[in-house]
Amino acid sequence: DQGLPTLKQLSFGRAVNVTLGLPIIRTSVDHGTALSLAGSGKASADSLNYATRVARDIALRRVAKYG
């Protein structure tokens, strides 16, 4: 937890939380919900898109390794 502020400052929008040890692939964005931006037209989907790409990459690697 102590490293998170530095990680967020250096790579906001490009860091992804990955939960290990689950039978499914789970990724999430590197920030909170930003409800204050909802409906304002100022929110960006970049973090969500990146987390989705990371999940896809993990899935493709699993298929390549295990079939």
C-alpha atoms as a PDB file:
ATOM      1  CA  ASP A   1       0.000   0.000   0.000  1.00  0.00           C
ATOM      2  CA  GLN A   2       2.867   2.397   0.621  1.00  0.00           C
ATOM      3  CA  GLY A   3       4.005   2.193  -2.986  1.00  0.00           C
ATOM      4  CA  LEU A   4       0.590   2.893  -4.495  1.00  0.00           C
ATOM      5  CA  PRO A   5       0.794   6.715  -4.420  1.00  0.00           C
ATOM      6  CA  THR A   6       4.089   6.634  -6.326  1.00  0.00           C
ATOM      7  CA  LEU A   7       2.778   4.068  -8.788  1.00  0.00           C
ATOM      8  CA  LYS A   8      -0.338   6.129  -9.446  1.00  0.00           C
ATOM      9  CA  GLN A   9       1.653   9.323  -9.898  1.00  0.00           C
ATOM     10  CA  LEU A  10       4.082   7.761 -12.353  1.00  0.00           C
ATOM     11  CA  SER A  11       1.646   5.669 -14.369  1.00  0.00           C
ATOM     12  CA  PHE A  12      -1.911   6.918 -13.798  1.00  0.00           C
ATOM     13  CA  GLY A  13      -4.188   5.313 -16.338  1.00  0.00           C
ATOM     14  CA  ARG A  14      -1.642   2.638 -17.231  1.00  0.00           C
ATOM     15  CA  ALA A  15      -1.453   0.689 -13.979  1.00  0.00           C
ATOM     16  CA  VAL A  16      -3.782  -2.262 -13.506  1.00  0.00           C
ATOM     17  CA  ASN A  17      -4.807  -4.238 -10.439  1.00  0.00           C
ATOM     18  CA  VAL A  18      -4.641  -7.978 -11.081  1.00  0.00           C
ATOM     19  CA  THR A  19      -6.139 -10.382  -8.537  1.00  0.00           C
ATOM     20  CA  LEU A  20      -4.214 -13.640  -8.406  1.00  0.00           C
ATOM     21  CA  GLY A  21      -5.332 -17.034  -7.152  1.00  0.00           C
ATOM     22  CA  LEU A  22      -8.835 -16.950  -8.626  1.00  0.00           C
ATOM     23  CA  PRO A  23     -10.201 -19.449 -11.157  1.00  0.00           C
ATOM     24  CA  ILE A  24     -11.025 -16.475 -13.418  1.00  0.00           C
ATOM     25  CA  ILE A  25      -9.009 -13.567 -14.774  1.00  0.00           C
ATOM     26  CA  ARG A  26      -9.772 -10.422 -12.790  1.00  0.00           C
ATOM     27  CA  THR A  27      -8.333  -7.014 -13.595  1.00  0.00           C
ATOM     28  CA  SER A  28      -9.474  -3.578 -12.490  1.00  0.00           C
ATOM     29  CA  VAL A  29      -8.544   0.037 -13.045  1.00  0.00           C
ATOM     30  CA  ASP A  30      -5.885   1.746 -10.960  1.00  0.00           C
ATOM     31  CA  HIS A  31      -8.233   4.319  -9.438  1.00  0.00           C
ATOM     32  CA  GLY A  32     -11.613   4.685  -7.766  1.00  0.00           C
ATOM     33  CA  THR A  33     -15.022   5.150  -9.306  1.00  0.00           C
ATOM     34  CA  ALA A  34     -14.753   8.910  -9.963  1.00  0.00           C
ATOM     35  CA  LEU A  35     -18.482   9.332  -9.417  1.00  0.00           C
ATOM     36  CA  SER A  36     -18.003  13.092  -9.320  1.00  0.00           C
ATOM     37  CA  LEU A  37     -17.156  12.932 -13.037  1.00  0.00           C
ATOM     38  CA  ALA A  38     -20.178  10.820 -13.997  1.00  0.00           C
ATOM     39  CA  GLY A  39     -22.269  12.567 -16.616  1.00  0.00           C
ATOM     40  CA  SER A  40     -19.847  15.481 -16.910  1.00  0.00           C
ATOM     41  CA  GLY A  41     -18.266  14.383 -20.172  1.00  0.00           C
ATOM     42  CA  LYS A  42     -14.834  14.713 -18.522  1.00  0.00           C
ATOM     43  CA  ALA A  43     -14.273  11.078 -17.574  1.00  0.00           C
ATOM     44  CA  SER A  44     -11.873   8.952 -19.587  1.00  0.00           C
ATOM     45  CA  ALA A  45     -12.238   5.260 -20.346  1.00  0.00           C
ATOM     46  CA  ASP A  46      -8.496   4.851 -20.893  1.00  0.00           C
ATOM     47  CA  SER A  47      -7.895   2.992 -17.607  1.00  0.00           C
ATOM     48  CA  LEU A  48     -10.781   0.607 -18.283  1.00  0.00           C
ATOM     49  CA  ASN A  49      -9.553  -0.027 -21.807  1.00  0.00           C
ATOM     50  CA  TYR A  50      -6.052  -0.754 -20.531  1.00  0.00           C
ATOM     51  CA  ALA A  51      -7.316  -3.129 -17.819  1.00  0.00           C
ATOM     52  CA  THR A  52      -9.355  -4.933 -20.477  1.00  0.00           C
ATOM     53  CA  ARG A  53      -6.306  -5.271 -22.732  1.00  0.00           C
ATOM     54  CA  VAL A  54      -4.262  -6.699 -19.849  1.00  0.00           C
ATOM     55  CA  ALA A  55      -7.013  -9.266 -19.153  1.00  0.00           C
ATOM     56  CA  ARG A  56      -7.063 -10.204 -22.843  1.00  0.00           C
ATOM     57  CA  ASP A  57      -3.284 -10.591 -22.898  1.00  0.00           C
ATOM     58  CA  ILE A  58      -3.379 -12.845 -19.828  1.00  0.00           C
ATOM     59  CA  ALA A  59      -6.084 -14.969 -21.480  1.00  0.00           C
ATOM     60  CA  LEU A  60      -4.111 -15.280 -24.716  1.00  0.00           C
ATOM     61  CA  ARG A  61      -0.988 -16.336 -22.825  1.00  0.00           C
ATOM     62  CA  ARG A  62      -2.953 -18.973 -20.920  1.00  0.00           C
ATOM     63  CA  VAL A  63      -4.385 -20.367 -24.145  1.00  0.00           C
ATOM     64  CA  ALA A  64      -0.926 -20.458 -25.731  1.00  0.00           C
ATOM     65  CA  LYS A  65       0.522 -22.231 -22.698  1.00  0.00           C
ATOM     66  CA  TYR A  66      -2.283 -24.634 -21.769  1.00  0.00           C
ATOM     67  CA  GLY A  67      -4.387 -24.884 -24.905  1.00  0.00           C
END
